[in-house]
Amino acid sequence: MMRNRAHLGVAVAGFGGLIIGISVTVGTQGPQRAQPSRDLRKVIRPEKSPKTGLPYSPGILVGDTLYVSGHLGRDPVTSKLVSGGIEAETRQAITNAREVLRAAGMDLEHVASVTAFITSFDEFPRFNAVYREFFPNDPPARATVQVAALNVGARVELQMIAVGPGE
């Protein structure tokens, strides 16, 4: 009889240790993050947007954050680069990006970050003059990078990240 009680005591102690071990393991791992659902990612395709046939989405909305693809100064009707140099291209690139923003229920005041790619820093002052027209006060964070070349001979490409007002 003593032997059975000893076995029972060992079994209870082992089971208790198992429960404590599981509790400690779960407690130290913290909350488990769910994998993001494809339903959380919404493609934004404005009607007034150049149709290039290239494999990208003009914008991707995830929650309140909109990731705007790089936009060139393409005419939204012909999809050809606008004439008039970096000033005209910058105006059109911002206008094209703005269409993506508006299709997502946002506008330029929601832009938090811009990455600008230009082919020559000699044109940087002219680029900045036009950029200031669209972002006159409290402009978004920005990085500007000189690149060797852009698609279709463009002088500027703008990529943006915007954060909406939430609901």
Protein backbone atom coordinates (compact mmCIF):
# COMPACT_ATOMS: atom_id res chain seq x y z
CA MET A 1 0.00 0.00 0.00
CA MET A 2 2.84 2.39 0.81
CA ARG A 3 4.33 1.60 -2.53
CA ASN A 4 1.10 2.61 -4.35
CA ARG A 5 0.99 5.87 -2.40
CA ALA A 6 4.58 6.57 -3.38
CA HIS A 7 3.73 6.01 -7.04
CA LEU A 8 0.67 8.23 -6.69
CA GLY A 9 2.78 10.96 -5.07
CA VAL A 10 5.36 10.78 -7.88
CA ALA A 11 2.57 10.91 -10.49
CA VAL A 12 0.91 13.93 -8.84
CA ALA A 13 4.26 15.71 -8.52
CA GLY A 14 5.09 14.95 -12.17
CA PHE A 15 1.70 16.19 -13.33
CA GLY A 16 2.09 19.35 -11.23
CA GLY A 17 5.52 19.95 -12.71
CA LEU A 18 4.09 19.53 -16.20
CA ILE A 19 1.38 22.12 -15.52
CA ILE A 20 3.91 24.57 -14.06
CA GLY A 21 6.23 24.03 -17.03
CA ILE A 22 3.46 24.72 -19.53
CA SER A 23 2.39 27.84 -17.60
CA VAL A 24 5.93 29.22 -17.51
CA THR A 25 6.49 28.51 -21.19
CA VAL A 26 3.25 30.19 -22.27
CA GLY A 27 3.85 33.12 -19.91
CA THR A 28 7.36 33.85 -21.22
CA GLN A 29 6.37 33.69 -24.90
CA GLY A 30 3.93 36.57 -24.58
CA PRO A 31 0.94 37.06 -26.81
CA GLN A 32 1.07 35.30 -30.14
CA ARG A 33 0.88 37.59 -33.18
CA ALA A 34 -1.62 36.61 -35.79
CA GLN A 35 -0.41 36.38 -39.35
CA PRO A 36 -1.66 39.35 -41.39
CA SER A 37 -4.68 38.55 -43.47
CA ARG A 38 -4.74 39.27 -47.20
CA ASP A 39 -8.03 41.03 -46.42
CA LEU A 40 -6.09 43.74 -44.57
CA ARG A 41 -4.19 44.65 -47.76
CA LYS A 42 -6.26 46.65 -50.24
CA VAL A 43 -5.06 47.60 -53.72
CA ILE A 44 -5.76 51.24 -54.64
CA ARG A 45 -6.20 51.94 -58.38
CA PRO A 46 -7.52 55.43 -59.15
CA GLU A 47 -9.43 56.01 -62.38
CA LYS A 48 -7.23 58.99 -63.33
CA SER A 49 -3.98 57.09 -63.40
CA PRO A 50 -1.50 56.36 -66.19
CA LYS A 51 -2.01 52.84 -67.48
CA THR A 52 1.50 51.50 -68.02
CA GLY A 53 0.79 47.78 -68.10
CA LEU A 54 3.65 47.27 -65.64
CA PRO A 55 3.32 44.73 -62.79
CA TYR A 56 2.72 47.00 -59.79
CA SER A 57 -0.18 48.53 -57.87
CA PRO A 58 -0.40 52.34 -57.68
CA GLY A 59 -1.09 52.06 -53.96
CA ILE A 60 -1.49 49.49 -51.21
CA LEU A 61 -3.58 50.37 -48.17
CA VAL A 62 -2.89 48.43 -44.97
CA GLY A 63 -4.97 49.68 -42.07
CA ASP A 64 -4.58 53.47 -42.05
CA THR A 65 -1.24 53.39 -43.90
CA LEU A 66 -1.07 53.89 -47.65
CA TYR A 67 2.05 52.89 -49.56
CA VAL A 68 2.13 54.85 -52.83
CA SER A 69 4.27 53.36 -55.60
CA GLY A 70 6.85 55.49 -57.34
CA HIS A 71 5.19 57.87 -59.78
CA LEU A 72 6.72 59.55 -62.78
CA GLY A 73 5.42 62.66 -64.50
CA ARG A 74 3.26 60.64 -66.89
CA ASP A 75 0.14 62.11 -68.44
CA PRO A 76 -2.79 60.07 -67.05
CA VAL A 77 -4.52 59.96 -70.46
CA THR A 78 -1.62 59.10 -72.79
CA SER A 79 0.72 57.53 -70.18
CA LYS A 80 3.56 59.44 -71.87
CA LEU A 81 6.01 61.58 -69.96
CA VAL A 82 4.89 65.23 -69.86
CA SER A 83 7.14 67.77 -71.57
CA GLY A 84 8.58 70.78 -69.80
CA GLY A 85 11.49 69.37 -67.81
CA ILE A 86 11.78 68.53 -64.15
CA GLU A 87 9.28 71.19 -63.06
CA ALA A 88 6.46 69.78 -65.22
CA GLU A 89 7.41 66.20 -64.36
CA THR A 90 7.42 66.97 -60.63
CA ARG A 91 3.99 68.62 -60.81
CA GLN A 92 2.57 65.67 -62.73
CA ALA A 93 4.21 63.05 -60.48
CA ILE A 94 2.71 64.71 -57.39
CA THR A 95 -0.66 65.02 -59.14
CA ASN A 96 -0.56 61.32 -60.05
CA ALA A 97 0.35 60.33 -56.49
CA ARG A 98 -2.41 62.62 -55.20
CA GLU A 99 -4.95 60.64 -57.25
CA VAL A 100 -3.88 57.49 -55.41
CA LEU A 101 -4.18 59.31 -52.09
CA ARG A 102 -7.67 60.58 -52.93
CA ALA A 103 -8.80 57.12 -54.08
CA ALA A 104 -7.88 55.95 -50.56
CA GLY A 105 -9.74 58.84 -48.88
CA MET A 106 -6.59 60.87 -48.19
CA ASP A 107 -4.74 63.87 -49.58
CA LEU A 108 -1.30 65.45 -49.43
CA GLU A 109 -1.64 66.47 -45.77
CA HIS A 110 -1.66 62.76 -44.90
CA VAL A 111 1.74 62.14 -46.50
CA ALA A 112 4.28 61.25 -43.82
CA SER A 113 7.26 60.36 -45.99
CA VAL A 114 8.47 60.94 -49.55
CA THR A 115 11.36 59.32 -51.36
CA ALA A 116 12.42 61.37 -54.38
CA PHE A 117 14.62 59.95 -57.11
CA ILE A 118 16.13 62.53 -59.47
CA THR A 119 18.60 62.04 -62.29
CA SER A 120 20.63 65.19 -61.62
CA PHE A 121 21.26 67.24 -58.51
CA ASP A 122 21.82 70.16 -60.86
CA GLU A 123 18.00 70.22 -61.11
CA PHE A 124 17.49 69.92 -57.35
CA PRO A 125 16.62 73.64 -56.81
CA ARG A 126 13.95 73.53 -59.56
CA PHE A 127 12.57 70.29 -58.14
CA ASN A 128 12.39 71.85 -54.65
CA ALA A 129 10.60 74.96 -55.94
CA VAL A 130 7.75 72.86 -57.35
CA TYR A 131 7.74 70.51 -54.34
CA ARG A 132 7.21 73.56 -52.07
CA GLU A 133 4.09 74.49 -54.07
CA PHE A 134 2.46 71.24 -52.93
CA PHE A 135 3.99 71.07 -49.43
CA PRO A 136 4.35 74.73 -48.36
CA ASN A 137 4.16 74.15 -44.59
CA ASP A 138 5.30 71.26 -42.41
CA PRO A 139 6.37 69.09 -45.36
CA PRO A 140 6.68 65.33 -44.95
CA ALA A 141 9.95 63.62 -44.08
CA ARG A 142 11.92 63.13 -47.28
CA ALA A 143 14.94 61.45 -48.76
CA THR A 144 16.24 62.55 -52.16
CA VAL A 145 18.53 60.29 -54.12
CA GLN A 146 20.31 60.94 -57.39
CA VAL A 147 20.02 57.97 -59.73
CA ALA A 148 21.72 57.14 -63.02
CA ALA A 149 18.44 56.75 -64.90
CA LEU A 150 14.68 56.40 -64.53
CA ASN A 151 12.10 54.59 -66.63
CA VAL A 152 11.17 56.24 -69.99
CA GLY A 153 13.86 58.89 -69.53
CA ALA A 154 12.08 60.60 -66.64
CA ARG A 155 13.93 63.14 -64.51
CA VAL A 156 12.04 62.51 -61.26
CA GLU A 157 10.13 59.72 -59.53
CA LEU A 158 8.27 60.12 -56.24
CA GLN A 159 7.27 57.40 -53.79
CA MET A 160 5.15 58.20 -50.72
CA ILE A 161 3.83 56.78 -47.49
CA ALA A 162 0.68 58.35 -46.04
CA VAL A 163 -1.22 57.76 -42.82
CA GLY A 164 -4.96 58.34 -42.82
CA PRO A 165 -7.05 59.89 -40.11
CA GLY A 166 -8.34 56.52 -38.86
CA GLU A 167 -11.94 55.87 -37.95
